[in-house]
Protein backbone atom coordinates (compact mmCIF):
# COMPACT_ATOMS: atom_id res chain seq x y z
CA MET A 1 122.03 164.45 47.06
CA THR A 2 120.66 162.13 49.75
CA ARG A 3 117.59 160.00 49.15
CA ARG A 4 114.63 160.45 51.40
CA ARG A 5 113.83 157.31 53.35
CA LEU A 6 110.25 156.23 53.80
CA PRO A 7 108.98 156.44 57.38
CA GLU A 8 109.32 153.23 59.35
CA TRP A 9 105.60 153.14 60.20
CA PHE A 10 104.77 153.23 56.47
CA LEU A 11 107.18 150.39 55.70
CA LEU A 12 105.63 148.31 58.47
CA LEU A 13 102.11 148.96 57.15
CA LEU A 14 103.05 148.52 53.48
CA PRO A 15 102.46 144.72 53.32
CA ALA A 16 99.01 145.12 54.88
CA ILE A 17 98.19 148.00 52.49
CA ILE A 18 99.20 145.89 49.48
CA VAL A 19 97.11 142.93 50.66
CA ILE A 20 94.05 145.12 51.36
CA ALA A 21 94.40 146.79 47.95
CA ALA A 22 94.70 143.43 46.17
CA VAL A 23 91.89 141.70 48.06
CA VAL A 24 89.42 144.56 48.64
CA LEU A 25 90.14 147.78 46.77
CA ILE A 26 90.96 146.45 43.28
CA PRO A 27 87.96 144.03 43.11
CA LEU A 28 85.71 146.82 44.44
CA ILE A 29 86.82 149.25 41.73
CA PHE A 30 86.54 146.53 39.08
CA SER A 31 83.00 145.58 40.13
CA LEU A 32 81.95 149.24 40.19
CA TYR A 33 83.36 149.80 36.70
CA SER A 34 81.79 146.61 35.30
CA SER A 35 78.37 147.69 36.63
CA PHE A 36 78.47 150.39 33.94
CA THR A 37 79.19 147.86 31.19
CA PRO A 38 77.20 144.97 29.62
CA TYR A 39 79.93 142.60 30.83
CA LYS A 40 79.11 138.92 30.27
CA LEU A 41 81.35 136.09 31.44
CA THR A 42 80.85 134.32 28.10
CA ARG A 43 81.92 137.43 26.16
CA PRO A 44 84.99 139.05 27.83
CA SER A 45 85.17 141.76 25.15
CA THR A 46 81.97 143.32 26.55
CA LEU A 47 83.96 144.48 29.58
CA TRP A 48 85.31 147.40 27.53
CA LYS A 49 81.93 148.59 26.24
CA TRP A 50 80.59 151.51 28.28
CA VAL A 51 76.80 151.71 28.60
CA GLY A 52 76.56 154.26 31.41
CA THR A 53 73.63 153.80 33.78
CA TYR A 54 71.78 151.33 31.55
CA ASN A 55 72.11 148.46 34.07
CA TYR A 56 70.81 150.63 36.89
CA GLU A 57 67.89 151.84 34.79
CA LYS A 58 67.08 148.23 33.91
CA ILE A 59 67.07 147.25 37.58
CA LEU A 60 64.55 149.98 38.43
CA THR A 61 62.04 148.39 36.04
CA ASP A 62 62.94 144.75 36.78
CA ALA A 63 60.02 143.05 38.58
CA LYS A 64 62.21 140.09 39.61
CA PHE A 65 64.70 142.38 41.34
CA TRP A 66 62.02 144.25 43.29
CA ALA A 67 60.29 140.98 44.21
CA ALA A 68 63.60 139.71 45.63
CA PHE A 69 64.15 143.08 47.34
CA GLY A 70 60.72 142.97 49.01
CA ARG A 71 61.21 139.32 49.98
CA THR A 72 64.58 140.22 51.54
CA VAL A 73 63.02 143.05 53.58
CA LEU A 74 60.24 140.70 54.74
CA PHE A 75 62.75 137.97 55.61
CA LEU A 76 64.96 140.46 57.45
CA THR A 77 62.03 141.90 59.43
CA ILE A 78 60.73 138.50 60.53
CA ALA A 79 64.17 137.09 61.36
CA LEU A 80 65.38 140.14 63.31
CA ASN A 81 62.24 140.48 65.43
CA LEU A 82 61.99 136.78 66.31
CA GLU A 83 65.73 136.56 67.03
CA MET A 84 65.44 139.60 69.30
CA LEU A 85 62.46 138.21 71.23
CA LEU A 86 63.94 134.73 71.59
CA GLY A 87 67.38 136.11 72.45
CA LEU A 88 65.87 138.40 75.10
CA GLY A 89 63.97 135.51 76.64
CA ILE A 90 67.02 133.23 76.67
CA ALA A 91 69.25 135.96 78.15
CA VAL A 92 66.77 136.73 80.95
CA MET A 93 66.40 133.02 81.81
CA VAL A 94 70.16 132.40 81.77
CA ASN A 95 70.68 135.48 83.95
CA LYS A 96 68.29 133.99 86.55
CA VAL A 97 70.31 130.77 86.82
CA THR A 98 72.62 130.65 89.82
CA TRP A 99 74.29 127.26 89.22
CA GLY A 100 75.89 126.17 85.94
CA GLN A 101 75.52 129.56 84.27
CA ARG A 102 78.89 129.32 82.49
CA THR A 103 77.90 126.00 80.96
CA LEU A 104 74.58 127.46 79.80
CA ARG A 105 76.35 130.45 78.22
CA THR A 106 78.60 128.08 76.30
CA ILE A 107 75.62 126.01 75.11
CA VAL A 108 73.80 129.18 74.00
CA MET A 109 76.80 130.10 71.82
CA PHE A 110 76.93 126.73 70.01
CA PRO A 111 74.58 127.54 67.07
CA MET A 112 76.49 130.67 66.03
CA MET A 113 79.70 128.62 65.81
CA PHE A 114 78.39 126.50 62.94
CA SER A 115 79.08 127.43 59.34
CA PRO A 116 75.97 128.68 57.45
CA ILE A 117 76.66 126.02 54.81
CA LEU A 118 76.62 123.30 57.45
CA VAL A 119 73.41 124.71 58.94
CA GLY A 120 71.86 124.79 55.48
CA PHE A 121 72.60 121.10 54.86
CA GLN A 122 71.45 120.23 58.37
CA PHE A 123 68.03 121.86 57.97
CA LYS A 124 67.70 120.67 54.37
CA PHE A 125 67.76 117.16 55.82
CA ILE A 126 65.48 118.06 58.75
CA PHE A 127 62.83 119.52 56.41
CA ASN A 128 63.22 116.89 53.68
CA ASP A 129 59.83 115.78 52.31
CA ASN A 130 60.51 112.04 52.51
CA ILE A 131 63.18 111.32 55.12
CA GLY A 132 63.17 114.58 57.08
CA LEU A 133 62.95 114.53 60.85
CA VAL A 134 60.04 116.98 60.94
CA ASN A 135 57.78 114.95 58.65
CA ASN A 136 58.73 111.70 60.38
CA ALA A 137 57.86 113.26 63.73
CA LEU A 138 54.54 114.54 62.39
CA GLN A 139 53.68 111.15 60.89
CA SER A 140 54.47 109.40 64.17
CA MET A 141 51.95 111.78 65.81
CA GLY A 142 49.20 110.76 63.38
CA PHE A 143 49.61 113.16 60.44
CA ASN A 144 49.43 111.06 57.28
CA ALA A 145 50.35 113.63 54.62
CA ALA A 146 54.00 114.67 54.27
CA LEU A 147 54.33 118.45 54.19
CA PRO A 148 56.39 119.85 51.27
CA TRP A 149 58.57 122.06 53.45
CA LEU A 150 61.11 122.92 50.75
CA VAL A 151 58.77 122.71 47.75
CA ASP A 152 55.86 124.92 48.75
CA GLY A 153 56.83 128.61 48.48
CA LYS A 154 55.51 129.78 51.87
CA LEU A 155 56.71 126.70 53.75
CA ALA A 156 60.13 126.96 52.11
CA LEU A 157 60.54 130.59 53.22
CA PHE A 158 59.43 129.57 56.73
CA SER A 159 61.99 126.74 56.74
CA ILE A 160 64.80 129.09 55.72
CA ALA A 161 63.76 131.64 58.35
CA PHE A 162 63.67 128.89 60.98
CA ALA A 163 67.24 127.83 60.11
CA GLU A 164 68.46 131.44 60.15
CA ILE A 165 66.79 132.15 63.50
CA TRP A 166 68.15 128.93 65.04
CA MET A 167 71.68 129.83 63.99
CA SER A 168 71.73 133.51 64.97
CA THR A 169 69.46 133.97 68.00
CA SER A 170 72.53 133.42 70.15
CA VAL A 171 74.01 136.72 68.87
CA PHE A 172 71.13 138.58 70.53
CA ALA A 173 71.24 136.34 73.60
CA ILE A 174 74.95 136.92 74.25
CA LEU A 175 74.83 140.70 73.74
CA ILE A 176 71.68 141.12 75.85
CA LEU A 177 73.19 138.90 78.54
CA ALA A 178 76.24 141.19 78.56
CA GLY A 179 73.84 144.10 79.11
CA LEU A 180 72.19 142.30 82.02
CA PHE A 181 75.59 141.69 83.62
CA ALA A 182 76.49 145.38 83.24
CA MET A 183 73.20 146.63 84.64
CA PRO A 184 73.37 148.26 88.11
CA ARG A 185 71.22 146.60 90.79
CA ASP A 186 70.29 149.74 92.74
CA PRO A 187 67.37 150.82 90.47
CA LEU A 188 65.87 147.31 90.62
CA GLU A 189 66.13 147.18 94.39
CA ALA A 190 64.59 150.66 94.70
CA ALA A 191 61.71 149.61 92.42
CA LYS A 192 61.14 146.51 94.54
CA VAL A 193 61.00 148.63 97.70
CA ASP A 194 58.49 150.97 96.01
CA GLY A 195 56.21 148.00 95.34
CA CYS A 196 56.74 147.60 91.57
CA THR A 197 55.79 144.24 90.07
CA PRO A 198 58.48 142.21 88.22
CA TRP A 199 56.87 143.17 84.89
CA GLN A 200 56.90 146.90 85.78
CA SER A 201 60.55 146.68 86.80
CA PHE A 202 61.43 144.91 83.54
CA ARG A 203 59.34 147.24 81.36
CA HIS A 204 60.51 150.56 82.84
CA ILE A 205 64.03 149.79 84.14
CA THR A 206 65.58 146.66 82.64
CA LEU A 207 64.35 146.98 79.05
CA PRO A 208 65.40 150.65 78.53
CA PHE A 209 68.86 149.77 79.86
CA LEU A 210 69.09 146.82 77.43
CA MET A 211 67.93 148.74 74.33
CA PRO A 212 71.47 149.92 73.32
CA PHE A 213 72.66 146.29 73.39
CA ILE A 214 69.60 145.19 71.41
CA PHE A 215 70.19 147.82 68.72
CA ILE A 216 73.87 146.85 68.47
CA ALA A 217 72.79 143.26 67.85
CA MET A 218 70.16 144.41 65.32
CA THR A 219 72.74 146.46 63.43
CA ILE A 220 75.10 143.49 63.18
CA ARG A 221 72.36 141.05 62.22
CA SER A 222 70.66 143.37 59.71
CA LEU A 223 73.90 143.45 57.71
CA ASP A 224 74.16 139.65 57.89
CA VAL A 225 70.54 138.90 56.98
CA ALA A 226 70.52 141.47 54.15
CA ARG A 227 73.40 139.46 52.63
CA ALA A 228 71.82 136.06 53.28
CA TYR A 229 73.03 133.61 50.66
CA ASP A 230 74.54 130.39 51.99
CA ILE A 231 71.50 128.92 53.77
CA VAL A 232 69.09 129.92 50.99
CA GLN A 233 71.31 128.53 48.24
CA ILE A 234 71.83 125.22 50.05
CA MET A 235 68.24 124.65 51.16
CA THR A 236 66.23 125.81 48.13
CA GLY A 237 68.53 127.47 45.62
CA GLY A 238 66.01 130.32 45.47
CA GLY A 239 63.17 128.00 44.44
CA PRO A 240 60.56 126.81 44.03
CA ALA A 241 59.93 129.09 41.03
CA ARG A 242 62.09 131.81 42.68
CA ARG A 243 59.66 132.12 45.60
CA THR A 244 62.52 132.10 48.13
CA GLU A 245 64.91 134.12 45.98
CA LEU A 246 66.57 136.89 48.00
CA LEU A 247 68.80 139.65 46.69
CA TRP A 248 72.08 137.78 46.94
CA THR A 249 70.78 134.55 45.41
CA LEU A 250 69.32 136.63 42.56
CA MET A 251 72.69 138.30 42.05
CA SER A 252 74.41 134.92 42.05
CA ARG A 253 71.97 133.54 39.48
CA THR A 254 72.32 136.65 37.30
CA GLY A 255 76.11 136.72 37.47
CA TYR A 256 77.10 133.04 37.33
CA VAL A 257 74.13 131.20 35.78
CA ASP A 258 73.01 133.87 33.29
CA ALA A 259 76.64 135.14 32.98
CA ARG A 260 75.48 138.79 33.13
CA MET A 261 78.13 139.96 35.56
CA GLY A 262 77.74 143.66 34.79
CA LEU A 263 74.05 143.58 35.68
CA ALA A 264 74.76 141.46 38.79
CA ASN A 265 77.32 143.98 40.04
CA ALA A 266 74.81 146.80 39.51
CA MET A 267 72.30 144.83 41.59
CA GLY A 268 74.95 144.49 44.28
CA TYR A 269 75.48 148.24 44.52
CA VAL A 270 71.75 148.94 44.57
CA SER A 271 71.28 146.36 47.34
CA ILE A 272 73.87 148.19 49.44
CA ILE A 273 71.15 150.82 49.93
CA LEU A 274 69.21 148.27 52.01
CA SER A 275 72.17 147.68 54.31
CA VAL A 276 72.92 151.40 54.62
CA VAL A 277 69.30 152.29 55.42
CA PHE A 278 69.01 149.64 58.14
CA THR A 279 72.42 150.57 59.58
CA ILE A 280 71.52 154.26 59.79
CA TYR A 281 68.11 153.46 61.29
CA PHE A 282 69.51 151.20 64.02
CA PHE A 283 72.42 153.57 64.72
CA ARG A 284 69.98 156.41 65.35
CA LYS A 285 67.91 154.15 67.58
CA LEU A 286 71.09 153.17 69.44
CA THR A 287 72.06 156.82 69.93
CA ALA A 288 68.57 157.67 71.23
CA ALA A 289 68.57 154.66 73.58
CA ARG A 290 72.00 155.59 74.97
CA ALA A 291 70.87 159.17 75.53
CA GLN A 292 67.69 157.97 77.29
CA ILE A 293 69.65 156.08 79.94
CA GLY A 294 72.34 158.75 80.26
CA MET A 295 75.15 157.01 78.36
CA GLY A 296 75.79 159.94 76.06
CA GLY A 297 74.61 160.80 72.54
């Protein structure tokens, strides 16, 4: 009796399958299981106690979770819209440049190359109450009082949003610039012959053509911002008094500081809803924008 040999393609893929299972699949299954337990890092035996949907029911009535959820949605909305507007403006200006455009494109990409941790430390220093560059600049202009950028709740959230926007606006700029390069010139020339103003040409020709690229960027960035952790943790740690606490910093505090890992994993799965909703929304917008300009549904 001859043994059946495994297909060669399966043998070639087997190392990758094992790595993916070890790094992604097994932790995913473990986290899902532990979300149905009262698992605490300080009490490993609680991992084997099944409590069903208790953690999920607790989340639904947890004011701190919903406050962090609402703050994350607000943060995401502000960051995405400002990044889109700034990225669109930068892309249009770079597209108008006729000399040194490659150098400008490289410069535009610089912020997105930095690690979020590095950006967090950088802006933590810039917005420091005592030695920060912002307060020093304001004082040199005649403002005597130092603003508590990272201590006041509203100013701290503004500071985090500023750092996030500085780092990621280039994602929108690069994708929109790619759209401008791909745009045919015939409609613009026809509009110019018909007497359209630059604003009318941009509003009715350029912008509709760019919308698929904008929605692609929004889909990518919505997933990133919904999982914002590094910059927030470095700059404020979720403070002051949890006023800058977003979903992922709340999960980190719950899992590693309070040691309630089962509850933290349940929060993680509930927060996936936010990412899924925004992804579906922007994908539908992308499909509609592509259909509007004749690129297919």
